[in-house]
Amino acid sequence: MAKRTDRNQTEIVIALRKAGASVEFLHTIGRGVPDLLVGHRGCNYVLEVKDGTQIPSRRRLTNDEAEWHAKWRGSVRIVESVEQALVVIGALR
């Protein structure tokens, strides 16, 4: 079952694209798969978006997400803001 998106996902996607990144939505896959696949300057990034304005308990990974993150043999980053997303891809320092 695909999950809902966090309130800030759209603004993060817009900012990433303005920074020159390509963005594909993965959240529709469900099963704990992170929200976004981002390509920037020849590198790929897998991002899990959480709403940084929510209380900490609402920002925790779901059981499915935690399981997916634990099994993934590559890099996956959790971002809670536009600024964090841009730092991850190297578009902001």
C-alpha atoms as a PDB file:
ATOM      1  CA  MET A   1       0.000   0.000   0.000  1.00  0.00           C
ATOM      2  CA  ALA A   2       1.435   3.363  -1.006  1.00  0.00           C
ATOM      3  CA  LYS A   3       1.806   5.877   1.774  1.00  0.00           C
ATOM      4  CA  ARG A   4       0.772   9.494   2.044  1.00  0.00           C
ATOM      5  CA  THR A   5       3.290  12.248   1.479  1.00  0.00           C
ATOM      6  CA  ASP A   6       4.583  14.600   4.141  1.00  0.00           C
ATOM      7  CA  ARG A   7       3.401  18.203   4.014  1.00  0.00           C
ATOM      8  CA  ASN A   8       6.836  19.500   2.988  1.00  0.00           C
ATOM      9  CA  GLN A   9       7.570  17.006   0.205  1.00  0.00           C
ATOM     10  CA  THR A  10       6.308  19.276  -2.591  1.00  0.00           C
ATOM     11  CA  GLU A  11       8.415  22.246  -1.492  1.00  0.00           C
ATOM     12  CA  ILE A  12      11.484  20.012  -1.177  1.00  0.00           C
ATOM     13  CA  VAL A  13      10.939  18.598  -4.690  1.00  0.00           C
ATOM     14  CA  ILE A  14      10.523  22.110  -6.132  1.00  0.00           C
ATOM     15  CA  ALA A  15      13.748  23.288  -4.461  1.00  0.00           C
ATOM     16  CA  LEU A  16      15.694  20.229  -5.628  1.00  0.00           C
ATOM     17  CA  ARG A  17      14.548  20.750  -9.208  1.00  0.00           C
ATOM     18  CA  LYS A  18      15.401  24.474  -9.041  1.00  0.00           C
ATOM     19  CA  ALA A  19      18.899  23.412  -7.942  1.00  0.00           C
ATOM     20  CA  GLY A  20      19.204  21.365 -11.151  1.00  0.00           C
ATOM     21  CA  ALA A  21      18.379  17.928  -9.750  1.00  0.00           C
ATOM     22  CA  SER A  22      16.140  15.364 -11.366  1.00  0.00           C
ATOM     23  CA  VAL A  23      13.579  13.882  -8.980  1.00  0.00           C
ATOM     24  CA  GLU A  24      11.530  10.696  -9.181  1.00  0.00           C
ATOM     25  CA  PHE A  25       8.815   9.814  -6.703  1.00  0.00           C
ATOM     26  CA  LEU A  26       9.247   6.460  -4.986  1.00  0.00           C
ATOM     27  CA  HIS A  27       6.709   6.883  -2.185  1.00  0.00           C
ATOM     28  CA  THR A  28       3.986   5.361  -4.346  1.00  0.00           C
ATOM     29  CA  ILE A  29       5.735   1.992  -4.144  1.00  0.00           C
ATOM     30  CA  GLY A  30       4.968   1.687  -0.428  1.00  0.00           C
ATOM     31  CA  ARG A  31       6.448  -1.192   1.639  1.00  0.00           C
ATOM     32  CA  GLY A  32       8.823   1.219   3.399  1.00  0.00           C
ATOM     33  CA  VAL A  33      10.556   2.404   0.217  1.00  0.00           C
ATOM     34  CA  PRO A  34      11.823   5.999   0.699  1.00  0.00           C
ATOM     35  CA  ASP A  35      10.071   8.961  -0.860  1.00  0.00           C
ATOM     36  CA  LEU A  36      12.449  10.301  -3.493  1.00  0.00           C
ATOM     37  CA  LEU A  37      15.195   9.284  -5.892  1.00  0.00           C
ATOM     38  CA  VAL A  38      17.291  12.347  -6.708  1.00  0.00           C
ATOM     39  CA  GLY A  39      19.992  12.713  -9.348  1.00  0.00           C
ATOM     40  CA  HIS A  40      22.409  15.649  -9.143  1.00  0.00           C
ATOM     41  CA  ARG A  41      25.825  16.195 -10.711  1.00  0.00           C
ATOM     42  CA  GLY A  42      26.201  12.541 -11.643  1.00  0.00           C
ATOM     43  CA  CYS A  43      25.263  11.171  -8.218  1.00  0.00           C
ATOM     44  CA  ASN A  44      22.104   9.466  -6.979  1.00  0.00           C
ATOM     45  CA  TYR A  45      20.466  10.103  -3.623  1.00  0.00           C
ATOM     46  CA  VAL A  46      17.650   8.226  -1.923  1.00  0.00           C
ATOM     47  CA  LEU A  47      15.717  10.545   0.392  1.00  0.00           C
ATOM     48  CA  GLU A  48      13.127   9.838   3.053  1.00  0.00           C
ATOM     49  CA  VAL A  49      11.128  13.019   3.692  1.00  0.00           C
ATOM     50  CA  LYS A  50       9.843  13.748   7.175  1.00  0.00           C
ATOM     51  CA  ASP A  51       7.973  16.886   8.219  1.00  0.00           C
ATOM     52  CA  GLY A  52      10.315  18.767  10.546  1.00  0.00           C
ATOM     53  CA  THR A  53       7.427  20.800  11.971  1.00  0.00           C
ATOM     54  CA  GLN A  54       5.842  17.676  13.460  1.00  0.00           C
ATOM     55  CA  ILE A  55       6.557  16.447  16.972  1.00  0.00           C
ATOM     56  CA  PRO A  56       9.417  13.911  17.087  1.00  0.00           C
ATOM     57  CA  SER A  57       7.110  10.905  17.491  1.00  0.00           C
ATOM     58  CA  ARG A  58       5.383  11.851  14.211  1.00  0.00           C
ATOM     59  CA  ARG A  59       8.760  12.016  12.422  1.00  0.00           C
ATOM     60  CA  ARG A  60       9.900   8.511  13.324  1.00  0.00           C
ATOM     61  CA  LEU A  61      10.299   5.907  10.625  1.00  0.00           C
ATOM     62  CA  THR A  62       7.379   3.532  10.313  1.00  0.00           C
ATOM     63  CA  ASN A  63       8.091  -0.139  10.941  1.00  0.00           C
ATOM     64  CA  ASP A  64       8.180  -0.765   7.174  1.00  0.00           C
ATOM     65  CA  GLU A  65      10.540   2.182   6.627  1.00  0.00           C
ATOM     66  CA  ALA A  66      12.865   1.096   9.442  1.00  0.00           C
ATOM     67  CA  GLU A  67      13.004  -2.422   8.004  1.00  0.00           C
ATOM     68  CA  TRP A  68      13.706  -1.126   4.478  1.00  0.00           C
ATOM     69  CA  HIS A  69      16.457   1.208   5.753  1.00  0.00           C
ATOM     70  CA  ALA A  70      18.062  -1.642   7.727  1.00  0.00           C
ATOM     71  CA  LYS A  71      18.149  -3.943   4.688  1.00  0.00           C
ATOM     72  CA  TRP A  72      19.291  -1.333   2.129  1.00  0.00           C
ATOM     73  CA  ARG A  73      22.952  -1.748   1.212  1.00  0.00           C
ATOM     74  CA  GLY A  74      23.298   1.761  -0.145  1.00  0.00           C
ATOM     75  CA  SER A  75      22.930   5.252   1.206  1.00  0.00           C
ATOM     76  CA  VAL A  76      19.554   6.643   2.266  1.00  0.00           C
ATOM     77  CA  ARG A  77      19.152   9.991   4.001  1.00  0.00           C
ATOM     78  CA  ILE A  78      16.289  11.394   6.046  1.00  0.00           C
ATOM     79  CA  VAL A  79      15.540  15.065   5.381  1.00  0.00           C
ATOM     80  CA  GLU A  80      13.123  17.315   7.228  1.00  0.00           C
ATOM     81  CA  SER A  81      13.538  20.581   5.303  1.00  0.00           C
ATOM     82  CA  VAL A  82      14.468  22.151   1.990  1.00  0.00           C
ATOM     83  CA  GLU A  83      17.825  23.170   3.454  1.00  0.00           C
ATOM     84  CA  GLN A  84      18.663  19.624   4.576  1.00  0.00           C
ATOM     85  CA  ALA A  85      17.755  18.216   1.158  1.00  0.00           C
ATOM     86  CA  LEU A  86      19.945  20.767  -0.621  1.00  0.00           C
ATOM     87  CA  VAL A  87      22.860  20.042   1.713  1.00  0.00           C
ATOM     88  CA  VAL A  88      22.552  16.296   1.065  1.00  0.00           C
ATOM     89  CA  ILE A  89      22.885  16.783  -2.692  1.00  0.00           C
ATOM     90  CA  GLY A  90      25.694  19.331  -2.308  1.00  0.00           C
ATOM     91  CA  ALA A  91      23.711  22.293  -3.636  1.00  0.00           C
ATOM     92  CA  LEU A  92      23.947  24.155  -0.314  1.00  0.00           C
ATOM     93  CA  ARG A  93      26.719  24.197   2.242  1.00  0.00           C
END
